[in-house]
Amino acid sequence: MSRRAPFALALALLLVGCFGPSDRRPGFALSGEVAAYPDDWSFTDPHREIAIQVGTPYLLPHSVTIWCAAREGTLYLGARSPEEKRWPGWVDDDPDVRLGIGEAIYEVRLAPVDDPEEIASIRRTYAAKYELPETPPEEAPPIRYWRVERREGGPA
């Protein structure tokens, strides 16, 4: 092996690690200034997509873009076809995540939403924001939702 190979590999990993997610392309660590946990998440209403960074079993951060919706000041995230993606399972293992919204990073915890009434309300909020039908078609893929909560020990 050439002496340059380890350097080239390290440089490639460093460069790849600098890329955040974009549309359907995943990324690694999110960059930006860490912001305090807001009392009201309605400021996210104009954002069509935000980024989420989760921990992985590989010890490398993984980030993707997702949709979000704020209802009564609380932020909710959803994953369509969650069984076909890795990141929802990684959130099950470690619910402490980072959200990239605009130029800010929010260190938060995700709590799964299982209550059917709360899910119905979240669906209505998503439908209004993204101009979707309030009741998904029967053949629609499953969607899993999380409530964004304050992380213990995170910025106030």
N, C-alpha and C. Protein backbone atom coordinates (compact mmCIF):
# COMPACT_ATOMS: atom_id res chain seq x y z
N MET A 1 0.84 -1.17 0.00
CA MET A 1 0.00 0.00 0.00
C MET A 1 0.89 1.24 0.00
N SER A 2 0.52 2.18 -0.81
CA SER A 2 1.26 3.42 -0.94
C SER A 2 1.18 4.23 0.35
N ARG A 3 2.17 5.08 0.57
CA ARG A 3 2.17 5.97 1.75
C ARG A 3 1.06 7.01 1.63
N ARG A 4 0.66 7.29 0.42
CA ARG A 4 -0.37 8.31 0.21
C ARG A 4 -1.78 7.77 0.49
N ALA A 5 -1.95 6.47 0.43
CA ALA A 5 -3.29 5.89 0.58
C ALA A 5 -3.94 6.25 1.92
N PRO A 6 -3.26 6.10 3.07
CA PRO A 6 -3.91 6.47 4.33
C PRO A 6 -4.27 7.96 4.38
N PHE A 7 -3.40 8.80 3.82
CA PHE A 7 -3.68 10.23 3.80
C PHE A 7 -4.89 10.52 2.93
N ALA A 8 -4.95 9.89 1.76
CA ALA A 8 -6.07 10.11 0.85
C ALA A 8 -7.38 9.63 1.47
N LEU A 9 -7.33 8.49 2.15
CA LEU A 9 -8.52 7.97 2.82
C LEU A 9 -8.97 8.91 3.93
N ALA A 10 -8.04 9.38 4.74
CA ALA A 10 -8.38 10.31 5.82
C ALA A 10 -8.96 11.60 5.26
N LEU A 11 -8.38 12.11 4.18
CA LEU A 11 -8.88 13.33 3.57
C LEU A 11 -10.29 13.11 3.01
N ALA A 12 -10.51 11.98 2.37
CA ALA A 12 -11.84 11.68 1.81
C ALA A 12 -12.87 11.59 2.92
N LEU A 13 -12.55 10.92 4.03
CA LEU A 13 -13.48 10.81 5.15
C LEU A 13 -13.75 12.18 5.77
N LEU A 14 -12.73 13.01 5.86
CA LEU A 14 -12.90 14.34 6.41
C LEU A 14 -13.83 15.17 5.52
N LEU A 15 -13.62 15.11 4.21
CA LEU A 15 -14.45 15.87 3.28
C LEU A 15 -15.89 15.37 3.29
N VAL A 16 -16.08 14.07 3.28
CA VAL A 16 -17.43 13.51 3.31
C VAL A 16 -18.11 13.89 4.61
N GLY A 17 -17.37 13.89 5.72
CA GLY A 17 -17.93 14.23 7.02
C GLY A 17 -18.40 15.67 7.11
N CYS A 18 -17.97 16.51 6.20
CA CYS A 18 -18.37 17.92 6.22
C CYS A 18 -19.70 18.14 5.52
N PHE A 19 -20.18 17.17 4.77
CA PHE A 19 -21.40 17.37 4.00
C PHE A 19 -22.63 17.08 4.84
N GLY A 20 -23.55 18.02 4.81
CA GLY A 20 -24.83 17.81 5.44
C GLY A 20 -25.77 17.19 4.43
N PRO A 21 -26.96 16.85 4.85
CA PRO A 21 -27.91 16.23 3.92
C PRO A 21 -28.46 17.26 2.93
N SER A 22 -28.91 16.78 1.80
CA SER A 22 -29.52 17.65 0.80
C SER A 22 -30.57 16.84 0.05
N ASP A 23 -31.80 17.30 0.14
CA ASP A 23 -32.92 16.63 -0.49
C ASP A 23 -32.92 15.15 -0.09
N ARG A 24 -32.70 14.23 -1.03
CA ARG A 24 -32.72 12.79 -0.70
C ARG A 24 -31.33 12.23 -0.38
N ARG A 25 -30.29 13.05 -0.47
CA ARG A 25 -28.93 12.58 -0.19
C ARG A 25 -28.63 12.75 1.30
N PRO A 26 -28.30 11.68 2.00
CA PRO A 26 -27.97 11.81 3.42
C PRO A 26 -26.62 12.49 3.60
N GLY A 27 -26.38 12.92 4.81
CA GLY A 27 -25.11 13.55 5.14
C GLY A 27 -24.59 13.01 6.46
N PHE A 28 -23.62 13.72 6.98
CA PHE A 28 -23.03 13.34 8.26
C PHE A 28 -23.39 14.38 9.30
N ALA A 29 -22.41 14.95 9.98
CA ALA A 29 -22.67 15.91 11.06
C ALA A 29 -23.26 17.21 10.52
N LEU A 30 -24.22 17.73 11.25
CA LEU A 30 -24.79 19.04 10.91
C LEU A 30 -23.88 20.12 11.48
N SER A 31 -23.77 21.21 10.77
CA SER A 31 -22.96 22.31 11.28
C SER A 31 -23.84 23.52 11.51
N GLY A 32 -23.43 24.33 12.44
CA GLY A 32 -24.18 25.54 12.77
C GLY A 32 -24.03 25.84 14.25
N GLU A 33 -24.58 26.95 14.63
CA GLU A 33 -24.54 27.40 16.02
C GLU A 33 -25.64 26.71 16.82
N VAL A 34 -25.29 26.14 17.98
CA VAL A 34 -26.30 25.50 18.83
C VAL A 34 -27.16 26.59 19.46
N ALA A 35 -28.46 26.46 19.31
CA ALA A 35 -29.43 27.44 19.83
C ALA A 35 -30.15 26.87 21.04
N ALA A 36 -30.69 27.76 21.83
CA ALA A 36 -31.47 27.36 23.01
C ALA A 36 -32.79 26.72 22.56
N TYR A 37 -33.30 25.84 23.39
CA TYR A 37 -34.57 25.17 23.12
C TYR A 37 -35.67 26.24 23.14
N PRO A 38 -36.46 26.34 22.07
CA PRO A 38 -37.49 27.38 22.03
C PRO A 38 -38.75 26.98 22.81
N ASP A 39 -39.45 27.99 23.30
CA ASP A 39 -40.73 27.74 23.99
C ASP A 39 -41.83 27.42 22.99
N ASP A 40 -41.67 27.89 21.75
CA ASP A 40 -42.70 27.71 20.73
C ASP A 40 -42.00 27.43 19.39
N TRP A 41 -42.34 26.31 18.78
CA TRP A 41 -41.70 25.88 17.54
C TRP A 41 -42.42 26.39 16.29
N SER A 42 -43.39 27.26 16.42
CA SER A 42 -44.13 27.72 15.24
C SER A 42 -43.24 28.47 14.25
N PHE A 43 -42.05 28.90 14.66
CA PHE A 43 -41.13 29.55 13.73
C PHE A 43 -40.69 28.60 12.62
N THR A 44 -40.94 27.29 12.78
CA THR A 44 -40.58 26.31 11.75
C THR A 44 -41.61 26.25 10.62
N ASP A 45 -42.75 26.91 10.79
CA ASP A 45 -43.82 26.83 9.78
C ASP A 45 -43.34 27.14 8.36
N PRO A 46 -42.50 28.15 8.13
CA PRO A 46 -42.07 28.42 6.75
C PRO A 46 -41.04 27.43 6.21
N HIS A 47 -40.47 26.59 7.06
CA HIS A 47 -39.44 25.64 6.63
C HIS A 47 -40.12 24.38 6.08
N ARG A 48 -39.96 24.11 4.79
CA ARG A 48 -40.53 22.89 4.18
C ARG A 48 -39.75 21.66 4.62
N GLU A 49 -38.45 21.80 4.77
CA GLU A 49 -37.61 20.68 5.22
C GLU A 49 -36.66 21.18 6.30
N ILE A 50 -36.37 20.29 7.22
CA ILE A 50 -35.32 20.53 8.20
C ILE A 50 -34.40 19.32 8.14
N ALA A 51 -33.29 19.38 8.87
CA ALA A 51 -32.36 18.26 8.91
C ALA A 51 -32.38 17.64 10.30
N ILE A 52 -32.20 16.34 10.34
CA ILE A 52 -32.08 15.64 11.61
C ILE A 52 -30.78 14.84 11.58
N GLN A 53 -30.03 14.91 12.67
CA GLN A 53 -28.80 14.14 12.82
C GLN A 53 -29.01 13.14 13.95
N VAL A 54 -28.77 11.87 13.65
CA VAL A 54 -28.93 10.80 14.63
C VAL A 54 -27.61 10.08 14.82
N GLY A 55 -27.49 9.41 15.95
CA GLY A 55 -26.33 8.57 16.19
C GLY A 55 -26.49 7.24 15.49
N THR A 56 -25.38 6.62 15.18
CA THR A 56 -25.41 5.32 14.49
C THR A 56 -24.57 4.32 15.27
N PRO A 57 -24.74 3.03 14.97
CA PRO A 57 -23.88 2.03 15.61
C PRO A 57 -22.44 2.11 15.11
N TYR A 58 -22.20 2.87 14.03
CA TYR A 58 -20.85 3.00 13.46
C TYR A 58 -20.08 4.15 14.09
N LEU A 59 -20.71 4.84 15.05
CA LEU A 59 -20.12 5.99 15.73
C LEU A 59 -19.91 7.18 14.81
N LEU A 60 -20.53 7.16 13.64
CA LEU A 60 -20.51 8.31 12.73
C LEU A 60 -21.90 8.92 12.74
N PRO A 61 -22.00 10.25 12.80
CA PRO A 61 -23.33 10.85 12.74
C PRO A 61 -23.94 10.64 11.35
N HIS A 62 -25.25 10.54 11.32
CA HIS A 62 -26.00 10.36 10.08
C HIS A 62 -27.09 11.42 10.06
N SER A 63 -27.22 12.15 8.96
CA SER A 63 -28.25 13.18 8.87
C SER A 63 -29.04 13.04 7.58
N VAL A 64 -30.31 13.39 7.67
CA VAL A 64 -31.22 13.36 6.54
C VAL A 64 -32.13 14.59 6.63
N THR A 65 -32.79 14.91 5.52
CA THR A 65 -33.79 15.96 5.57
C THR A 65 -35.16 15.32 5.78
N ILE A 66 -36.00 16.02 6.53
CA ILE A 66 -37.33 15.51 6.84
C ILE A 66 -38.32 16.67 6.88
N TRP A 67 -39.59 16.33 6.87
CA TRP A 67 -40.64 17.31 7.06
C TRP A 67 -40.94 17.42 8.55
N CYS A 68 -41.45 18.57 8.94
CA CYS A 68 -41.84 18.79 10.33
C CYS A 68 -43.11 19.63 10.35
N ALA A 69 -43.80 19.61 11.46
CA ALA A 69 -44.99 20.44 11.63
C ALA A 69 -45.13 20.82 13.10
N ALA A 70 -45.41 22.08 13.33
CA ALA A 70 -45.63 22.57 14.69
C ALA A 70 -47.12 22.67 14.95
N ARG A 71 -47.53 22.17 16.11
CA ARG A 71 -48.94 22.23 16.53
C ARG A 71 -48.97 22.70 17.97
N GLU A 72 -49.67 23.82 18.19
CA GLU A 72 -49.79 24.39 19.53
C GLU A 72 -48.42 24.58 20.18
N GLY A 73 -47.43 25.02 19.39
CA GLY A 73 -46.10 25.31 19.90
C GLY A 73 -45.17 24.12 20.00
N THR A 74 -45.69 22.91 19.79
CA THR A 74 -44.89 21.69 19.87
C THR A 74 -44.50 21.26 18.46
N LEU A 75 -43.26 20.80 18.30
CA LEU A 75 -42.79 20.35 16.99
C LEU A 75 -42.90 18.84 16.90
N TYR A 76 -43.36 18.38 15.73
CA TYR A 76 -43.48 16.95 15.45
C TYR A 76 -42.70 16.62 14.18
N LEU A 77 -42.10 15.45 14.18
CA LEU A 77 -41.37 14.93 13.03
C LEU A 77 -42.03 13.63 12.61
N GLY A 78 -41.96 13.35 11.32
CA GLY A 78 -42.54 12.11 10.83
C GLY A 78 -41.61 11.40 9.86
N ALA A 79 -41.72 10.08 9.83
CA ALA A 79 -40.96 9.26 8.88
C ALA A 79 -41.95 8.39 8.13
N ARG A 80 -42.02 8.59 6.81
CA ARG A 80 -42.84 7.73 5.97
C ARG A 80 -42.08 6.45 5.71
N SER A 81 -42.77 5.34 5.72
CA SER A 81 -42.16 4.00 5.54
C SER A 81 -40.98 3.81 6.49
N PRO A 82 -41.19 3.98 7.80
CA PRO A 82 -40.07 3.93 8.75
C PRO A 82 -39.33 2.60 8.78
N GLU A 83 -40.00 1.50 8.42
CA GLU A 83 -39.33 0.19 8.43
C GLU A 83 -38.34 0.04 7.28
N GLU A 84 -38.42 0.92 6.29
CA GLU A 84 -37.52 0.85 5.14
C GLU A 84 -36.29 1.74 5.32
N LYS A 85 -36.23 2.47 6.45
CA LYS A 85 -35.13 3.40 6.71
C LYS A 85 -34.40 2.96 7.97
N ARG A 86 -33.14 3.33 8.06
CA ARG A 86 -32.36 2.97 9.25
C ARG A 86 -32.51 3.97 10.38
N TRP A 87 -32.62 5.25 10.03
CA TRP A 87 -32.55 6.26 11.09
C TRP A 87 -33.67 6.14 12.13
N PRO A 88 -34.91 5.76 11.81
CA PRO A 88 -35.90 5.63 12.88
C PRO A 88 -35.50 4.58 13.94
N GLY A 89 -34.89 3.49 13.50
CA GLY A 89 -34.42 2.49 14.47
C GLY A 89 -33.28 3.03 15.32
N TRP A 90 -32.43 3.84 14.72
CA TRP A 90 -31.33 4.45 15.49
C TRP A 90 -31.88 5.43 16.52
N VAL A 91 -33.00 6.10 16.18
CA VAL A 91 -33.64 6.99 17.16
C VAL A 91 -34.21 6.16 18.30
N ASP A 92 -34.73 4.97 18.02
CA ASP A 92 -35.20 4.09 19.09
C ASP A 92 -34.07 3.77 20.06
N ASP A 93 -32.87 3.56 19.51
CA ASP A 93 -31.71 3.24 20.34
C ASP A 93 -31.19 4.44 21.11
N ASP A 94 -31.25 5.62 20.50
CA ASP A 94 -30.76 6.85 21.14
C ASP A 94 -31.64 8.00 20.69
N PRO A 95 -32.62 8.41 21.51
CA PRO A 95 -33.55 9.45 21.10
C PRO A 95 -32.99 10.88 21.13
N ASP A 96 -31.75 11.05 21.59
CA ASP A 96 -31.13 12.38 21.58
C ASP A 96 -30.60 12.66 20.18
N VAL A 97 -31.14 13.67 19.54
CA VAL A 97 -30.79 14.00 18.17
C VAL A 97 -30.48 15.49 18.07
N ARG A 98 -30.00 15.89 16.90
CA ARG A 98 -29.78 17.30 16.59
C ARG A 98 -30.66 17.65 15.39
N LEU A 99 -31.29 18.80 15.45
CA LEU A 99 -32.10 19.30 14.35
C LEU A 99 -31.42 20.52 13.76
N GLY A 100 -31.32 20.56 12.45
CA GLY A 100 -30.81 21.73 11.75
C GLY A 100 -31.98 22.47 11.14
N ILE A 101 -32.23 23.67 11.64
CA ILE A 101 -33.34 24.49 11.15
C ILE A 101 -32.76 25.86 10.80
N GLY A 102 -32.78 26.19 9.52
CA GLY A 102 -32.11 27.42 9.10
C GLY A 102 -30.62 27.27 9.37
N GLU A 103 -30.05 28.23 10.04
CA GLU A 103 -28.62 28.19 10.37
C GLU A 103 -28.38 27.65 11.79
N ALA A 104 -29.43 27.34 12.51
CA ALA A 104 -29.31 26.93 13.92
C ALA A 104 -29.39 25.42 14.09
N ILE A 105 -28.76 24.95 15.15
CA ILE A 105 -28.80 23.54 15.55
C ILE A 105 -29.51 23.48 16.91
N TYR A 106 -30.43 22.55 17.02
CA TYR A 106 -31.17 22.34 18.26
C TYR A 106 -30.90 20.93 18.76
N GLU A 107 -30.39 20.82 19.98
CA GLU A 107 -30.13 19.51 20.59
C GLU A 107 -31.37 19.13 21.38
N VAL A 108 -32.06 18.09 20.91
CA VAL A 108 -33.37 17.74 21.44
C VAL A 108 -33.47 16.23 21.67
N ARG A 109 -34.58 15.84 22.23
CA ARG A 109 -34.91 14.42 22.41
C ARG A 109 -36.23 14.15 21.69
N LEU A 110 -36.32 13.00 21.02
CA LEU A 110 -37.55 12.62 20.33
C LEU A 110 -38.31 11.60 21.17
N ALA A 111 -39.61 11.83 21.29
CA ALA A 111 -40.49 10.90 22.01
C ALA A 111 -41.49 10.35 21.00
N PRO A 112 -41.58 9.02 20.87
CA PRO A 112 -42.54 8.45 19.91
C PRO A 112 -43.97 8.80 20.29
N VAL A 113 -44.77 9.04 19.27
CA VAL A 113 -46.19 9.35 19.49
C VAL A 113 -46.98 8.09 19.12
N ASP A 114 -47.72 7.57 20.10
CA ASP A 114 -48.50 6.36 19.90
C ASP A 114 -50.00 6.58 20.06
N ASP A 115 -50.39 7.70 20.67
CA ASP A 115 -51.80 7.97 20.93
C ASP A 115 -52.52 8.27 19.62
N PRO A 116 -53.56 7.50 19.27
CA PRO A 116 -54.27 7.70 18.00
C PRO A 116 -54.86 9.10 17.83
N GLU A 117 -55.36 9.70 18.91
CA GLU A 117 -55.93 11.05 18.81
C GLU A 117 -54.84 12.07 18.50
N GLU A 118 -53.69 11.93 19.15
CA GLU A 118 -52.58 12.86 18.89
C GLU A 118 -52.07 12.67 17.46
N ILE A 119 -51.98 11.42 17.01
CA ILE A 119 -51.54 11.14 15.63
C ILE A 119 -52.50 11.77 14.64
N ALA A 120 -53.81 11.65 14.89
CA ALA A 120 -54.80 12.25 13.98
C ALA A 120 -54.63 13.77 13.92
N SER A 121 -54.35 14.38 15.05
CA SER A 121 -54.14 15.83 15.09
C SER A 121 -52.86 16.22 14.35
N ILE A 122 -51.81 15.42 14.52
CA ILE A 122 -50.55 15.68 13.81
C ILE A 122 -50.77 15.55 12.30
N ARG A 123 -51.51 14.54 11.89
CA ARG A 123 -51.80 14.36 10.46
C ARG A 123 -52.52 15.56 9.89
N ARG A 124 -53.47 16.10 10.64
CA ARG A 124 -54.18 17.29 10.17
C ARG A 124 -53.23 18.48 10.04
N THR A 125 -52.30 18.59 10.97
CA THR A 125 -51.33 19.69 10.93
C THR A 125 -50.40 19.52 9.72
N TYR A 126 -49.92 18.32 9.49
CA TYR A 126 -49.10 18.04 8.30
C TYR A 126 -49.89 18.30 7.02
N ALA A 127 -51.15 17.89 6.99
CA ALA A 127 -51.98 18.07 5.80
C ALA A 127 -52.12 19.56 5.47
N ALA A 128 -52.31 20.37 6.50
CA ALA A 128 -52.46 21.81 6.27
C ALA A 128 -51.14 22.42 5.78
N LYS A 129 -50.03 22.03 6.37
CA LYS A 129 -48.74 22.62 6.00
C LYS A 129 -48.30 22.19 4.60
N TYR A 130 -48.46 20.91 4.29
CA TYR A 130 -47.93 20.36 3.04
C TYR A 130 -48.99 20.11 1.97
N GLU A 131 -50.19 20.63 2.20
CA GLU A 131 -51.29 20.50 1.24
C GLU A 131 -51.53 19.03 0.87
N LEU A 132 -51.71 18.22 1.89
CA LEU A 132 -51.95 16.78 1.76
C LEU A 132 -53.40 16.49 2.15
N PRO A 133 -53.92 15.35 1.74
CA PRO A 133 -55.26 14.98 2.23
C PRO A 133 -55.20 14.70 3.73
N GLU A 134 -56.24 15.13 4.46
CA GLU A 134 -56.25 14.90 5.91
C GLU A 134 -56.27 13.43 6.25
N THR A 135 -56.98 12.66 5.46
CA THR A 135 -57.01 11.22 5.66
C THR A 135 -56.18 10.59 4.56
N PRO A 136 -55.10 9.89 4.93
CA PRO A 136 -54.26 9.30 3.89
C PRO A 136 -55.01 8.20 3.13
N PRO A 137 -54.71 8.04 1.85
CA PRO A 137 -55.34 6.95 1.10
C PRO A 137 -55.01 5.59 1.73
N GLU A 138 -55.87 4.62 1.51
CA GLU A 138 -55.68 3.30 2.10
C GLU A 138 -54.34 2.68 1.74
N GLU A 139 -53.87 2.92 0.51
CA GLU A 139 -52.61 2.32 0.05
C GLU A 139 -51.38 3.14 0.47
N ALA A 140 -51.58 4.23 1.22
CA ALA A 140 -50.45 5.07 1.64
C ALA A 140 -49.53 4.29 2.57
N PRO A 141 -48.22 4.53 2.47
CA PRO A 141 -47.28 3.85 3.37
C PRO A 141 -47.48 4.33 4.80
N PRO A 142 -47.07 3.53 5.76
CA PRO A 142 -47.22 3.94 7.16
C PRO A 142 -46.31 5.14 7.46
N ILE A 143 -46.74 5.92 8.44
CA ILE A 143 -45.95 7.06 8.90
C ILE A 143 -45.81 6.95 10.41
N ARG A 144 -44.61 7.18 10.88
CA ARG A 144 -44.34 7.17 12.31
C ARG A 144 -44.01 8.59 12.74
N TYR A 145 -44.52 9.01 13.90
CA TYR A 145 -44.33 10.38 14.38
C TYR A 145 -43.59 10.40 15.71
N TRP A 146 -42.87 11.51 15.91
CA TRP A 146 -42.19 11.79 17.17
C TRP A 146 -42.50 13.21 17.60
N ARG A 147 -42.58 13.42 18.90
CA ARG A 147 -42.71 14.74 19.50
C ARG A 147 -41.31 15.20 19.88
N VAL A 148 -40.99 16.44 19.56
CA VAL A 148 -39.69 17.00 19.92
C VAL A 148 -39.79 17.55 21.34
N GLU A 149 -38.86 17.10 22.19
CA GLU A 149 -38.86 17.52 23.59
C GLU A 149 -37.49 18.05 23.98
N ARG A 150 -37.48 18.74 25.11
CA ARG A 150 -36.22 19.27 25.64
C ARG A 150 -35.32 18.11 26.07
N ARG A 151 -34.06 18.20 25.71
CA ARG A 151 -33.09 17.18 26.09
C ARG A 151 -32.56 17.53 27.47
N GLU A 152 -32.47 16.53 28.34
CA GLU A 152 -31.91 16.76 29.66
C GLU A 152 -30.46 17.21 29.52
N GLY A 153 -30.12 18.28 30.22
CA GLY A 153 -28.76 18.78 30.19
C GLY A 153 -28.44 19.60 28.96
N GLY A 154 -29.43 19.81 28.07
CA GLY A 154 -29.21 20.60 26.86
C GLY A 154 -29.28 22.09 27.16
N PRO A 155 -29.02 22.94 26.15
CA PRO A 155 -29.10 24.38 26.36
C PRO A 155 -30.51 24.79 26.78
N ALA A 156 -30.59 25.73 27.69
CA ALA A 156 -31.88 26.17 28.22
C ALA A 156 -32.73 26.82 27.24
